[in-house]
Amino acid sequence: MGRITARRPVVRLRGGHRVDRPDTLVVEEPLELRTDGKALAVTMRTPGHDVELAHGFLLTEGVIASGADIAAARYCDGVDDEGANTYNVLDLTLAEGVAPPETGVERNFYTTSSCGVCGKGSLDAIRLRTKHSPAADTVVVTSETLAGLPDTLRAAQKVFHATGGLHAAALFTADGEMLVLREDVGRHNAVDKVVGWAVTNDRIPLRGTVLMVSGRASFELAQKAVMAGIPILAAVSAPSSLAVDLASEAGLTVVGFLRGHSMNLYSHTDRVHISDGGVDE
């Protein structure tokens, strides 16, 4: 798994017994994102799919609308103590005619792995206008299909099985087919990588799809779904009040506490057809 995981010594205590052994941990490193050579943001992420992460970040921040808005992406020189490239600085060249990011997009402080909007220059910059509104999307998904998504997500989390320390986001069709899955220490990074996959594969807007996340449905994840034109956001944990408010306004269906046949529908519930098997109380 390369730089995605690392080995560290650990002392395990089990039933009063001590065992000294190495443990597999997920790698967390900073990634500095630049546009046209100008520093834009620093996020703590799990290395891998960095170009997707950058494309997804720029789309969900409203800087670009499609992959055609990026002319090139390249790693800049950044070396460690041994002179090896760290691959922790990524510069994206915007296509001719694409406006540079507004000041509100720039992060005043680094983005942590748990919060992707910390350090925003202005709270007004958080609520972005999407060019791919999901409001008119007429897709319908059955509760039976939704019930199967968490198990499919967990089964595909290869790095999570090795470390137990990663969030995951996956994109599904309305029939439950998984299109892509990405893992990261930051839940917002995992979503950006999924959206970036769609950007680089010319699949924006993501109409007729379900975004499944392994944790809670925060405001930021709801915003990212709206910016990418995703009509349904499902999470194994709870949504926040602000996420539901945004979803209600923007035409996004939010499904929370999705665990087997048990789930809560918070907004635009008409997109979910309750199967004959029903939904557990």
C-alpha atoms as a PDB file:
ATOM      1  CA  MET A   1       0.000   0.000   0.000  1.00  0.00           C
ATOM      2  CA  GLY A   2       3.047   2.262  -0.158  1.00  0.00           C
ATOM      3  CA  ARG A   3       2.712   5.566   1.679  1.00  0.00           C
ATOM      4  CA  ILE A   4      -0.942   4.960   2.496  1.00  0.00           C
ATOM      5  CA  THR A   5       0.032   2.947   5.588  1.00  0.00           C
ATOM      6  CA  ALA A   6       2.977   2.878   7.997  1.00  0.00           C
ATOM      7  CA  ARG A   7       4.213   0.513  10.694  1.00  0.00           C
ATOM      8  CA  ARG A   8       4.732   1.724  14.258  1.00  0.00           C
ATOM      9  CA  PRO A   9       5.507  -0.125  17.516  1.00  0.00           C
ATOM     10  CA  VAL A  10       2.603  -0.623  19.899  1.00  0.00           C
ATOM     11  CA  VAL A  11       2.093  -2.182  23.330  1.00  0.00           C
ATOM     12  CA  ARG A  12      -1.099  -4.193  23.434  1.00  0.00           C
ATOM     13  CA  LEU A  13      -2.779  -5.038  26.718  1.00  0.00           C
ATOM     14  CA  ARG A  14      -5.273  -7.869  26.544  1.00  0.00           C
ATOM     15  CA  GLY A  15      -6.678  -9.394  29.696  1.00  0.00           C
ATOM     16  CA  GLY A  16      -3.690  -8.285  31.731  1.00  0.00           C
ATOM     17  CA  HIS A  17      -1.208  -9.658  29.225  1.00  0.00           C
ATOM     18  CA  ARG A  18       1.300  -7.396  27.468  1.00  0.00           C
ATOM     19  CA  VAL A  19       2.298  -7.919  23.841  1.00  0.00           C
ATOM     20  CA  ASP A  20       4.902  -5.761  22.054  1.00  0.00           C
ATOM     21  CA  ARG A  21       4.375  -5.748  18.315  1.00  0.00           C
ATOM     22  CA  PRO A  22       4.235  -3.459  15.269  1.00  0.00           C
ATOM     23  CA  ASP A  23       0.893  -2.043  14.211  1.00  0.00           C
ATOM     24  CA  THR A  24      -0.332  -0.786  10.837  1.00  0.00           C
ATOM     25  CA  LEU A  25      -1.452   2.844  10.877  1.00  0.00           C
ATOM     26  CA  VAL A  26      -2.923   5.016   8.169  1.00  0.00           C
ATOM     27  CA  VAL A  27      -0.579   7.739   6.919  1.00  0.00           C
ATOM     28  CA  GLU A  28      -1.597  11.354   7.393  1.00  0.00           C
ATOM     29  CA  GLU A  29       0.401  14.044   5.588  1.00  0.00           C
ATOM     30  CA  PRO A  30      -0.208  17.636   4.505  1.00  0.00           C
ATOM     31  CA  LEU A  31      -1.028  18.421   0.896  1.00  0.00           C
ATOM     32  CA  GLU A  32      -0.575  21.981  -0.292  1.00  0.00           C
ATOM     33  CA  LEU A  33      -2.821  22.847  -3.198  1.00  0.00           C
ATOM     34  CA  ARG A  34      -1.809  25.646  -5.540  1.00  0.00           C
ATOM     35  CA  THR A  35      -3.508  27.197  -8.555  1.00  0.00           C
ATOM     36  CA  ASP A  36      -1.250  28.777 -11.165  1.00  0.00           C
ATOM     37  CA  GLY A  37       1.600  28.742  -8.662  1.00  0.00           C
ATOM     38  CA  LYS A  38      -0.340  30.529  -5.913  1.00  0.00           C
ATOM     39  CA  ALA A  39      -0.948  28.737  -2.605  1.00  0.00           C
ATOM     40  CA  LEU A  40      -4.652  28.007  -2.118  1.00  0.00           C
ATOM     41  CA  ALA A  41      -5.060  25.535   0.739  1.00  0.00           C
ATOM     42  CA  VAL A  42      -3.313  22.961   2.878  1.00  0.00           C
ATOM     43  CA  THR A  43      -5.254  19.876   3.860  1.00  0.00           C
ATOM     44  CA  MET A  44      -4.258  16.908   5.995  1.00  0.00           C
ATOM     45  CA  ARG A  45      -4.957  13.849   3.903  1.00  0.00           C
ATOM     46  CA  THR A  46      -4.020  10.247   3.202  1.00  0.00           C
ATOM     47  CA  PRO A  47      -1.668  10.238   0.179  1.00  0.00           C
ATOM     48  CA  GLY A  48      -3.153   8.794  -2.974  1.00  0.00           C
ATOM     49  CA  HIS A  49      -5.587  10.063  -5.623  1.00  0.00           C
ATOM     50  CA  ASP A  50      -4.259  13.575  -4.945  1.00  0.00           C
ATOM     51  CA  VAL A  51      -5.141  14.833  -8.419  1.00  0.00           C
ATOM     52  CA  GLU A  52      -8.718  13.661  -7.910  1.00  0.00           C
ATOM     53  CA  LEU A  53      -8.775  15.339  -4.508  1.00  0.00           C
ATOM     54  CA  ALA A  54      -7.630  18.616  -6.061  1.00  0.00           C
ATOM     55  CA  HIS A  55     -10.180  18.468  -8.881  1.00  0.00           C
ATOM     56  CA  GLY A  56     -12.962  17.614  -6.448  1.00  0.00           C
ATOM     57  CA  PHE A  57     -11.926  20.376  -4.073  1.00  0.00           C
ATOM     58  CA  LEU A  58     -11.899  22.998  -6.827  1.00  0.00           C
ATOM     59  CA  LEU A  59     -15.290  21.901  -8.149  1.00  0.00           C
ATOM     60  CA  THR A  60     -16.981  21.760  -4.751  1.00  0.00           C
ATOM     61  CA  GLU A  61     -15.517  25.166  -3.902  1.00  0.00           C
ATOM     62  CA  GLY A  62     -16.996  26.612  -7.079  1.00  0.00           C
ATOM     63  CA  VAL A  63     -13.655  27.370  -8.751  1.00  0.00           C
ATOM     64  CA  ILE A  64     -14.249  25.032 -11.713  1.00  0.00           C
ATOM     65  CA  ALA A  65     -17.343  23.504 -13.304  1.00  0.00           C
ATOM     66  CA  SER A  66     -15.745  20.609 -15.197  1.00  0.00           C
ATOM     67  CA  GLY A  67     -12.465  18.921 -15.966  1.00  0.00           C
ATOM     68  CA  ALA A  68     -12.030  21.153 -19.001  1.00  0.00           C
ATOM     69  CA  ASP A  69     -11.348  24.043 -16.615  1.00  0.00           C
ATOM     70  CA  ILE A  70      -8.020  22.458 -15.576  1.00  0.00           C
ATOM     71  CA  ALA A  71      -5.188  22.626 -18.102  1.00  0.00           C
ATOM     72  CA  ALA A  72      -2.587  20.671 -16.117  1.00  0.00           C
ATOM     73  CA  ALA A  73      -1.757  19.251 -12.698  1.00  0.00           C
ATOM     74  CA  ARG A  74       1.766  18.589 -11.497  1.00  0.00           C
ATOM     75  CA  TYR A  75       3.636  17.955  -8.275  1.00  0.00           C
ATOM     76  CA  CYS A  76       6.056  20.710  -7.310  1.00  0.00           C
ATOM     77  CA  ASP A  77       9.491  20.227  -5.834  1.00  0.00           C
ATOM     78  CA  GLY A  78       9.231  19.338  -2.188  1.00  0.00           C
ATOM     79  CA  VAL A  79      11.800  17.107  -0.573  1.00  0.00           C
ATOM     80  CA  ASP A  80      12.222  15.308   2.727  1.00  0.00           C
ATOM     81  CA  ASP A  81      15.352  15.033   4.875  1.00  0.00           C
ATOM     82  CA  GLU A  82      16.763  12.455   2.488  1.00  0.00           C
ATOM     83  CA  GLY A  83      16.169  14.544  -0.619  1.00  0.00           C
ATOM     84  CA  ALA A  84      13.249  12.480  -1.909  1.00  0.00           C
ATOM     85  CA  ASN A  85      10.189  14.154  -3.372  1.00  0.00           C
ATOM     86  CA  THR A  86       7.414  14.245  -0.772  1.00  0.00           C
ATOM     87  CA  TYR A  87       4.639  14.636  -3.378  1.00  0.00           C
ATOM     88  CA  ASN A  88       2.932  16.954  -0.911  1.00  0.00           C
ATOM     89  CA  VAL A  89       2.688  20.065  -3.114  1.00  0.00           C
ATOM     90  CA  LEU A  90       0.318  19.952  -6.094  1.00  0.00           C
ATOM     91  CA  ASP A  91      -0.086  22.832  -8.530  1.00  0.00           C
ATOM     92  CA  LEU A  92      -3.054  23.017 -10.890  1.00  0.00           C
ATOM     93  CA  THR A  93      -2.983  25.250 -13.938  1.00  0.00           C
ATOM     94  CA  LEU A  94      -6.386  26.699 -14.758  1.00  0.00           C
ATOM     95  CA  ALA A  95      -7.498  26.664 -18.373  1.00  0.00           C
ATOM     96  CA  GLU A  96      -7.461  29.906 -20.320  1.00  0.00           C
ATOM     97  CA  GLY A  97     -10.419  32.071 -19.389  1.00  0.00           C
ATOM     98  CA  VAL A  98     -11.102  30.380 -16.030  1.00  0.00           C
ATOM     99  CA  ALA A  99     -11.203  32.958 -13.253  1.00  0.00           C
ATOM    100  CA  PRO A 100      -8.804  32.427 -10.335  1.00  0.00           C
ATOM    101  CA  PRO A 101     -10.275  31.457  -6.958  1.00  0.00           C
ATOM    102  CA  GLU A 102     -11.959  34.239  -5.045  1.00  0.00           C
ATOM    103  CA  THR A 103     -10.442  35.331  -1.762  1.00  0.00           C
ATOM    104  CA  GLY A 104     -13.171  33.523   0.172  1.00  0.00           C
ATOM    105  CA  VAL A 105     -11.952  30.155  -1.100  1.00  0.00           C
ATOM    106  CA  GLU A 106      -8.494  30.586   0.362  1.00  0.00           C
ATOM    107  CA  ARG A 107      -7.910  28.962   3.719  1.00  0.00           C
ATOM    108  CA  ASN A 108      -6.444  31.251   6.374  1.00  0.00           C
ATOM    109  CA  PHE A 109      -5.245  28.219   8.308  1.00  0.00           C
ATOM    110  CA  TYR A 110      -4.626  24.634   7.364  1.00  0.00           C
ATOM    111  CA  THR A 111      -7.605  22.341   6.913  1.00  0.00           C
ATOM    112  CA  THR A 112      -7.634  19.534   9.462  1.00  0.00           C
ATOM    113  CA  SER A 113      -8.588  15.980   8.596  1.00  0.00           C
ATOM    114  CA  SER A 114     -11.857  16.392  10.516  1.00  0.00           C
ATOM    115  CA  CYS A 115     -13.003  19.803   9.276  1.00  0.00           C
ATOM    116  CA  GLY A 116     -12.786  21.027   5.713  1.00  0.00           C
ATOM    117  CA  VAL A 117     -14.227  24.484   6.297  1.00  0.00           C
ATOM    118  CA  CYS A 118     -12.111  25.489   9.303  1.00  0.00           C
ATOM    119  CA  GLY A 119     -10.268  28.720   8.588  1.00  0.00           C
ATOM    120  CA  LYS A 120     -12.654  29.980   5.926  1.00  0.00           C
ATOM    121  CA  GLY A 121     -12.030  33.653   5.295  1.00  0.00           C
ATOM    122  CA  SER A 122     -15.756  34.383   5.442  1.00  0.00           C
ATOM    123  CA  LEU A 123     -18.783  32.404   6.539  1.00  0.00           C
ATOM    124  CA  ASP A 124     -20.582  33.775   3.494  1.00  0.00           C
ATOM    125  CA  ALA A 125     -18.120  31.839   1.325  1.00  0.00           C
ATOM    126  CA  ILE A 126     -19.369  28.536   2.763  1.00  0.00           C
ATOM    127  CA  ARG A 127     -22.754  28.730   1.039  1.00  0.00           C
ATOM    128  CA  LEU A 128     -21.799  28.387  -2.593  1.00  0.00           C
ATOM    129  CA  ARG A 129     -23.982  28.579  -5.668  1.00  0.00           C
ATOM    130  CA  THR A 130     -23.942  25.370  -7.644  1.00  0.00           C
ATOM    131  CA  LYS A 131     -23.934  25.134 -11.419  1.00  0.00           C
ATOM    132  CA  HIS A 132     -25.255  21.558 -11.173  1.00  0.00           C
ATOM    133  CA  SER A 133     -28.315  21.769  -8.938  1.00  0.00           C
ATOM    134  CA  PRO A 134     -29.814  18.350  -8.056  1.00  0.00           C
ATOM    135  CA  ALA A 135     -33.273  19.859  -7.468  1.00  0.00           C
ATOM    136  CA  ALA A 136     -34.776  18.683 -10.775  1.00  0.00           C
ATOM    137  CA  ASP A 137     -33.289  15.171 -10.583  1.00  0.00           C
ATOM    138  CA  THR A 138     -36.188  12.677 -10.663  1.00  0.00           C
ATOM    139  CA  VAL A 139     -34.159   9.620  -9.681  1.00  0.00           C
ATOM    140  CA  VAL A 140     -35.850   7.143  -7.334  1.00  0.00           C
ATOM    141  CA  VAL A 141     -34.059   4.564  -5.214  1.00  0.00           C
ATOM    142  CA  THR A 142     -35.658   1.790  -3.192  1.00  0.00           C
ATOM    143  CA  SER A 143     -35.139   1.424   0.549  1.00  0.00           C
ATOM    144  CA  GLU A 144     -33.986  -2.128  -0.176  1.00  0.00           C
ATOM    145  CA  THR A 145     -31.182  -0.818  -2.386  1.00  0.00           C
ATOM    146  CA  LEU A 146     -30.174   1.753   0.226  1.00  0.00           C
ATOM    147  CA  ALA A 147     -30.103  -0.943   2.908  1.00  0.00           C
ATOM    148  CA  GLY A 148     -27.389  -2.820   1.029  1.00  0.00           C
ATOM    149  CA  LEU A 149     -25.030   0.127   0.537  1.00  0.00           C
ATOM    150  CA  PRO A 150     -23.274   0.160   3.947  1.00  0.00           C
ATOM    151  CA  ASP A 151     -22.205  -3.490   3.650  1.00  0.00           C
ATOM    152  CA  THR A 152     -20.957  -2.921   0.105  1.00  0.00           C
ATOM    153  CA  LEU A 153     -19.049   0.146   1.272  1.00  0.00           C
ATOM    154  CA  ARG A 154     -17.424  -1.647   4.210  1.00  0.00           C
ATOM    155  CA  ALA A 155     -16.476  -4.701   2.138  1.00  0.00           C
ATOM    156  CA  ALA A 156     -14.595  -2.467  -0.323  1.00  0.00           C
ATOM    157  CA  GLN A 157     -12.636  -0.530   2.344  1.00  0.00           C
ATOM    158  CA  LYS A 158      -9.303  -2.278   1.929  1.00  0.00           C
ATOM    159  CA  VAL A 159      -7.193   0.201   3.884  1.00  0.00           C
ATOM    160  CA  PHE A 160      -9.761   0.434   6.679  1.00  0.00           C
ATOM    161  CA  HIS A 161      -9.505  -3.307   7.192  1.00  0.00           C
ATOM    162  CA  ALA A 162      -5.750  -2.935   7.656  1.00  0.00           C
ATOM    163  CA  THR A 163      -5.820   0.150   9.897  1.00  0.00           C
ATOM    164  CA  GLY A 164      -9.314   0.782  11.255  1.00  0.00           C
ATOM    165  CA  GLY A 165      -8.613   4.488  10.861  1.00  0.00           C
ATOM    166  CA  LEU A 166     -10.156   5.777   7.649  1.00  0.00           C
ATOM    167  CA  HIS A 167     -13.325   7.395   6.410  1.00  0.00           C
ATOM    168  CA  ALA A 168     -14.810   6.266   3.133  1.00  0.00           C
ATOM    169  CA  ALA A 169     -17.061   7.721   0.457  1.00  0.00           C
ATOM    170  CA  ALA A 170     -18.530   5.822  -2.459  1.00  0.00           C
ATOM    171  CA  LEU A 171     -20.702   6.657  -5.415  1.00  0.00           C
ATOM    172  CA  PHE A 172     -23.525   4.301  -6.390  1.00  0.00           C
ATOM    173  CA  THR A 173     -26.092   4.102  -9.151  1.00  0.00           C
ATOM    174  CA  ALA A 174     -29.757   4.048  -8.209  1.00  0.00           C
ATOM    175  CA  ASP A 175     -29.631   0.268  -8.654  1.00  0.00           C
ATOM    176  CA  GLY A 176     -26.872  -0.113  -6.070  1.00  0.00           C
ATOM    177  CA  GLU A 177     -23.897  -0.558  -8.401  1.00  0.00           C
ATOM    178  CA  MET A 178     -20.752   0.961  -6.897  1.00  0.00           C
ATOM    179  CA  LEU A 179     -18.988   3.259  -9.370  1.00  0.00           C
ATOM    180  CA  VAL A 180     -16.049   4.365  -7.235  1.00  0.00           C
ATOM    181  CA  LEU A 181     -14.834   4.290  -3.634  1.00  0.00           C
ATOM    182  CA  ARG A 182     -12.174   6.409  -1.989  1.00  0.00           C
ATOM    183  CA  GLU A 183     -10.734   6.342   1.554  1.00  0.00           C
ATOM    184  CA  ASP A 184      -9.023   9.103   3.529  1.00  0.00           C
ATOM    185  CA  VAL A 185      -8.359  10.248   7.080  1.00  0.00           C
ATOM    186  CA  GLY A 186     -10.593  13.228   6.278  1.00  0.00           C
ATOM    187  CA  ARG A 187     -14.228  12.565   5.406  1.00  0.00           C
ATOM    188  CA  HIS A 188     -14.299  15.714   3.263  1.00  0.00           C
ATOM    189  CA  ASN A 189     -11.171  14.532   1.411  1.00  0.00           C
ATOM    190  CA  ALA A 190     -12.765  11.164   0.667  1.00  0.00           C
ATOM    191  CA  VAL A 191     -15.745  12.958  -0.880  1.00  0.00           C
ATOM    192  CA  ASP A 192     -13.489  15.316  -2.839  1.00  0.00           C
ATOM    193  CA  LYS A 193     -11.637  12.305  -4.251  1.00  0.00           C
ATOM    194  CA  VAL A 194     -14.922  10.736  -5.362  1.00  0.00           C
ATOM    195  CA  VAL A 195     -16.081  13.987  -6.941  1.00  0.00           C
ATOM    196  CA  GLY A 196     -12.635  14.449  -8.487  1.00  0.00           C
ATOM    197  CA  TRP A 197     -12.917  10.999 -10.049  1.00  0.00           C
ATOM    198  CA  ALA A 198     -16.144  12.159 -11.666  1.00  0.00           C
ATOM    199  CA  VAL A 199     -14.564  15.424 -12.827  1.00  0.00           C
ATOM    200  CA  THR A 200     -11.592  13.695 -14.443  1.00  0.00           C
ATOM    201  CA  ASN A 201     -13.892  11.161 -16.095  1.00  0.00           C
ATOM    202  CA  ASP A 202     -16.282  13.809 -17.466  1.00  0.00           C
ATOM    203  CA  ARG A 203     -19.228  12.600 -15.350  1.00  0.00           C
ATOM    204  CA  ILE A 204     -20.288  15.920 -13.839  1.00  0.00           C
ATOM    205  CA  PRO A 205     -23.108  16.521 -13.000  1.00  0.00           C
ATOM    206  CA  LEU A 206     -23.609  13.250 -11.126  1.00  0.00           C
ATOM    207  CA  ARG A 207     -27.294  12.857 -11.828  1.00  0.00           C
ATOM    208  CA  GLY A 208     -29.064   9.683 -10.773  1.00  0.00           C
ATOM    209  CA  THR A 209     -26.457   8.729  -8.171  1.00  0.00           C
ATOM    210  CA  VAL A 210     -26.200   8.124  -4.428  1.00  0.00           C
ATOM    211  CA  LEU A 211     -23.225   9.332  -2.386  1.00  0.00           C
ATOM    212  CA  MET A 212     -22.639   7.015   0.581  1.00  0.00           C
ATOM    213  CA  VAL A 213     -20.349   8.127   3.426  1.00  0.00           C
ATOM    214  CA  SER A 214     -19.056   6.098   6.346  1.00  0.00           C
ATOM    215  CA  GLY A 215     -19.566   8.735   9.036  1.00  0.00           C
ATOM    216  CA  ARG A 216     -21.961  11.589   9.638  1.00  0.00           C
ATOM    217  CA  ALA A 217     -23.521  13.886   7.047  1.00  0.00           C
ATOM    218  CA  SER A 218     -22.085  17.301   7.845  1.00  0.00           C
ATOM    219  CA  PHE A 219     -23.004  20.593   6.201  1.00  0.00           C
ATOM    220  CA  GLU A 220     -19.827  20.476   4.151  1.00  0.00           C
ATOM    221  CA  LEU A 221     -20.555  17.030   2.725  1.00  0.00           C
ATOM    222  CA  ALA A 222     -24.073  18.123   1.823  1.00  0.00           C
ATOM    223  CA  GLN A 223     -22.625  21.166   0.089  1.00  0.00           C
ATOM    224  CA  LYS A 224     -20.159  19.036  -1.869  1.00  0.00           C
ATOM    225  CA  ALA A 225     -22.982  16.762  -3.011  1.00  0.00           C
ATOM    226  CA  VAL A 226     -25.023  19.749  -4.165  1.00  0.00           C
ATOM    227  CA  MET A 227     -22.064  21.290  -5.995  1.00  0.00           C
ATOM    228  CA  ALA A 228     -21.511  18.029  -7.906  1.00  0.00           C
ATOM    229  CA  GLY A 229     -25.189  17.565  -8.775  1.00  0.00           C
ATOM    230  CA  ILE A 230     -25.599  14.458  -6.598  1.00  0.00           C
ATOM    231  CA  PRO A 231     -29.296  14.019  -5.693  1.00  0.00           C
ATOM    232  CA  ILE A 232     -28.994  11.635  -2.707  1.00  0.00           C
ATOM    233  CA  LEU A 233     -26.569  11.690   0.231  1.00  0.00           C
ATOM    234  CA  ALA A 234     -26.648   8.691   2.577  1.00  0.00           C
ATOM    235  CA  ALA A 235     -24.699   8.298   5.807  1.00  0.00           C
ATOM    236  CA  VAL A 236     -24.361   5.611   8.438  1.00  0.00           C
ATOM    237  CA  SER A 237     -24.512   8.274  11.152  1.00  0.00           C
ATOM    238  CA  ALA A 238     -26.472  11.442  11.821  1.00  0.00           C
ATOM    239  CA  PRO A 239     -26.749  14.549   9.677  1.00  0.00           C
ATOM    240  CA  SER A 240     -26.319  17.998  11.187  1.00  0.00           C
ATOM    241  CA  SER A 241     -29.191  20.476  11.317  1.00  0.00           C
ATOM    242  CA  LEU A 242     -27.391  22.764   8.876  1.00  0.00           C
ATOM    243  CA  ALA A 243     -26.846  19.890   6.447  1.00  0.00           C
ATOM    244  CA  VAL A 244     -30.581  19.161   6.444  1.00  0.00           C
ATOM    245  CA  ASP A 245     -31.436  22.851   6.042  1.00  0.00           C
ATOM    246  CA  LEU A 246     -29.115  23.136   3.045  1.00  0.00           C
ATOM    247  CA  ALA A 247     -30.449  19.897   1.554  1.00  0.00           C
ATOM    248  CA  SER A 248     -34.046  21.065   1.887  1.00  0.00           C
ATOM    249  CA  GLU A 249     -33.217  24.343   0.142  1.00  0.00           C
ATOM    250  CA  ALA A 250     -31.068  22.836  -2.605  1.00  0.00           C
ATOM    251  CA  GLY A 251     -33.084  19.756  -3.558  1.00  0.00           C
ATOM    252  CA  LEU A 252     -30.850  17.127  -1.958  1.00  0.00           C
ATOM    253  CA  THR A 253     -32.212  13.965  -0.351  1.00  0.00           C
ATOM    254  CA  VAL A 254     -30.473  13.174   2.942  1.00  0.00           C
ATOM    255  CA  VAL A 255     -30.616   9.690   4.446  1.00  0.00           C
ATOM    256  CA  GLY A 256     -29.121   9.273   7.908  1.00  0.00           C
ATOM    257  CA  PHE A 257     -28.543   6.418  10.354  1.00  0.00           C
ATOM    258  CA  LEU A 258     -28.501   4.010   7.404  1.00  0.00           C
ATOM    259  CA  ARG A 259     -27.879   0.673   9.087  1.00  0.00           C
ATOM    260  CA  GLY A 260     -29.403  -2.330   7.401  1.00  0.00           C
ATOM    261  CA  HIS A 261     -33.104  -1.766   6.866  1.00  0.00           C
ATOM    262  CA  SER A 262     -33.166   1.016   9.430  1.00  0.00           C
ATOM    263  CA  MET A 263     -32.787   4.589   8.164  1.00  0.00           C
ATOM    264  CA  ASN A 264     -34.074   8.129   8.643  1.00  0.00           C
ATOM    265  CA  LEU A 265     -35.182  10.242   5.688  1.00  0.00           C
ATOM    266  CA  TYR A 266     -34.641  13.952   6.350  1.00  0.00           C
ATOM    267  CA  SER A 267     -35.314  15.831   3.111  1.00  0.00           C
ATOM    268  CA  HIS A 268     -36.918  15.303  -0.298  1.00  0.00           C
ATOM    269  CA  THR A 269     -38.138  11.897   0.802  1.00  0.00           C
ATOM    270  CA  ASP A 270     -40.045  11.314  -2.451  1.00  0.00           C
ATOM    271  CA  ARG A 271     -36.834   9.990  -4.006  1.00  0.00           C
ATOM    272  CA  VAL A 272     -36.925   6.945  -1.722  1.00  0.00           C
ATOM    273  CA  HIS A 273     -39.445   4.215  -2.521  1.00  0.00           C
ATOM    274  CA  ILE A 274     -40.175   2.010   0.490  1.00  0.00           C
ATOM    275  CA  SER A 275     -39.747  -1.582  -0.625  1.00  0.00           C
ATOM    276  CA  ASP A 276     -42.162  -4.374   0.292  1.00  0.00           C
ATOM    277  CA  GLY A 277     -39.770  -5.394   3.057  1.00  0.00           C
ATOM    278  CA  GLY A 278     -40.292  -1.955   4.617  1.00  0.00           C
ATOM    279  CA  VAL A 279     -37.960  -0.052   6.852  1.00  0.00           C
ATOM    280  CA  ASP A 280     -37.238  -1.133  10.404  1.00  0.00           C
ATOM    281  CA  GLU A 281     -38.623   1.086  13.143  1.00  0.00           C
END
